C-alpha atoms as a PDB file:
ATOM      1  CA  MET A   1       0.000   0.000   0.000  1.00  0.00           C
ATOM      2  CA  TYR A   2       1.281   3.415  -0.926  1.00  0.00           C
ATOM      3  CA  PHE A   3       1.122   6.198   1.645  1.00  0.00           C
ATOM      4  CA  THR A   4      -1.337   8.067  -0.630  1.00  0.00           C
ATOM      5  CA  ASP A   5      -3.702   5.091  -0.471  1.00  0.00           C
ATOM      6  CA  ARG A   6      -4.478   6.011   3.137  1.00  0.00           C
ATOM      7  CA  GLY A   7      -5.717   9.433   2.108  1.00  0.00           C
ATOM      8  CA  ILE A   8      -7.725   7.982  -0.752  1.00  0.00           C
ATOM      9  CA  GLU A   9      -9.265   5.389   1.551  1.00  0.00           C
ATOM     10  CA  GLU A  10     -10.169   8.097   4.065  1.00  0.00           C
ATOM     11  CA  LEU A  11     -11.782  10.160   1.302  1.00  0.00           C
ATOM     12  CA  VAL A  12     -13.855   7.202   0.135  1.00  0.00           C
ATOM     13  CA  GLN A  13     -14.799   6.276   3.682  1.00  0.00           C
ATOM     14  CA  ARG A  14     -15.827   9.794   4.713  1.00  0.00           C
ATOM     15  CA  ARG A  15     -17.343  11.123   1.482  1.00  0.00           C
ATOM     16  CA  GLY A  16     -17.830   8.095  -0.743  1.00  0.00           C
ATOM     17  CA  GLU A  17     -21.614   8.455  -0.804  1.00  0.00           C
ATOM     18  CA  GLU A  18     -21.499  12.072  -2.016  1.00  0.00           C
ATOM     19  CA  THR A  19     -21.914  13.162  -5.608  1.00  0.00           C
ATOM     20  CA  VAL A  20     -19.699  16.034  -6.743  1.00  0.00           C
ATOM     21  CA  THR A  21     -19.225  17.882 -10.003  1.00  0.00           C
ATOM     22  CA  LEU A  22     -15.966  18.356 -11.829  1.00  0.00           C
ATOM     23  CA  GLU A  23     -16.505  22.085 -11.356  1.00  0.00           C
ATOM     24  CA  TRP A  24     -16.529  21.562  -7.573  1.00  0.00           C
ATOM     25  CA  LEU A  25     -13.421  19.373  -7.792  1.00  0.00           C
ATOM     26  CA  GLY A  26     -11.643  22.021  -9.859  1.00  0.00           C
ATOM     27  CA  GLU A  27     -12.420  24.674  -7.268  1.00  0.00           C
ATOM     28  CA  GLN A  28     -11.177  22.420  -4.467  1.00  0.00           C
ATOM     29  CA  LEU A  29      -7.938  21.772  -6.360  1.00  0.00           C
ATOM     30  CA  ARG A  30      -7.442  25.508  -6.976  1.00  0.00           C
ATOM     31  CA  THR A  31      -7.998  26.241  -3.292  1.00  0.00           C
ATOM     32  CA  PHE A  32      -5.547  23.513  -2.311  1.00  0.00           C
ATOM     33  CA  VAL A  33      -2.860  24.887  -4.657  1.00  0.00           C
ATOM     34  CA  ASP A  34      -3.451  28.417  -3.335  1.00  0.00           C
ATOM     35  CA  MET A  35      -2.832  27.101   0.180  1.00  0.00           C
ATOM     36  CA  HIS A  36       0.021  24.759  -0.832  1.00  0.00           C
ATOM     37  CA  PRO A  37       1.771  26.176  -3.918  1.00  0.00           C
ATOM     38  CA  GLU A  38       4.545  23.588  -3.636  1.00  0.00           C
ATOM     39  CA  PHE A  39       2.005  21.024  -4.907  1.00  0.00           C
ATOM     40  CA  GLU A  40       1.139  22.952  -8.077  1.00  0.00           C
ATOM     41  CA  THR A  41       2.953  20.535 -10.418  1.00  0.00           C
ATOM     42  CA  PRO A  42       1.454  17.291  -9.042  1.00  0.00           C
ATOM     43  CA  ILE A  43      -2.042  18.824  -9.008  1.00  0.00           C
ATOM     44  CA  GLU A  44      -1.570  20.001 -12.591  1.00  0.00           C
ATOM     45  CA  ARG A  45      -0.508  16.492 -13.598  1.00  0.00           C
ATOM     46  CA  LEU A  46      -3.501  14.943 -11.836  1.00  0.00           C
ATOM     47  CA  ALA A  47      -5.938  17.403 -13.429  1.00  0.00           C
ATOM     48  CA  THR A  48      -4.451  16.799 -16.884  1.00  0.00           C
ATOM     49  CA  TRP A  49      -4.611  13.032 -16.393  1.00  0.00           C
ATOM     50  CA  LEU A  50      -8.251  13.237 -15.311  1.00  0.00           C
ATOM     51  CA  ALA A  51      -9.122  15.524 -18.234  1.00  0.00           C
ATOM     52  CA  ARG A  52      -7.535  13.188 -20.785  1.00  0.00           C
ATOM     53  CA  ASP A  53      -8.483   9.845 -19.220  1.00  0.00           C
ATOM     54  CA  ASP A  54     -10.934   8.964 -21.998  1.00  0.00           C
ATOM     55  CA  GLU A  55      -8.340   9.418 -24.764  1.00  0.00           C
ATOM     56  CA  ASP A  56      -7.123   5.859 -24.189  1.00  0.00           C
ATOM     57  CA  ASP A  57     -10.497   4.532 -25.365  1.00  0.00           C
ATOM     58  CA  GLU A  58      -9.946   5.679 -28.946  1.00  0.00           C
END
């Protein structure tokens, strides 16, 4: 198990029943980067990966 798995598991456990929009997620990511600018590159990579995830289906 990777260390990040713990955070993901906590997210699923605490908020797994909620439905969110990508707009909401984008705002949360922007807020996080504003508070923690040192994570700008990994957040950018995650957002790009999520945005392009369906390109593999072609």
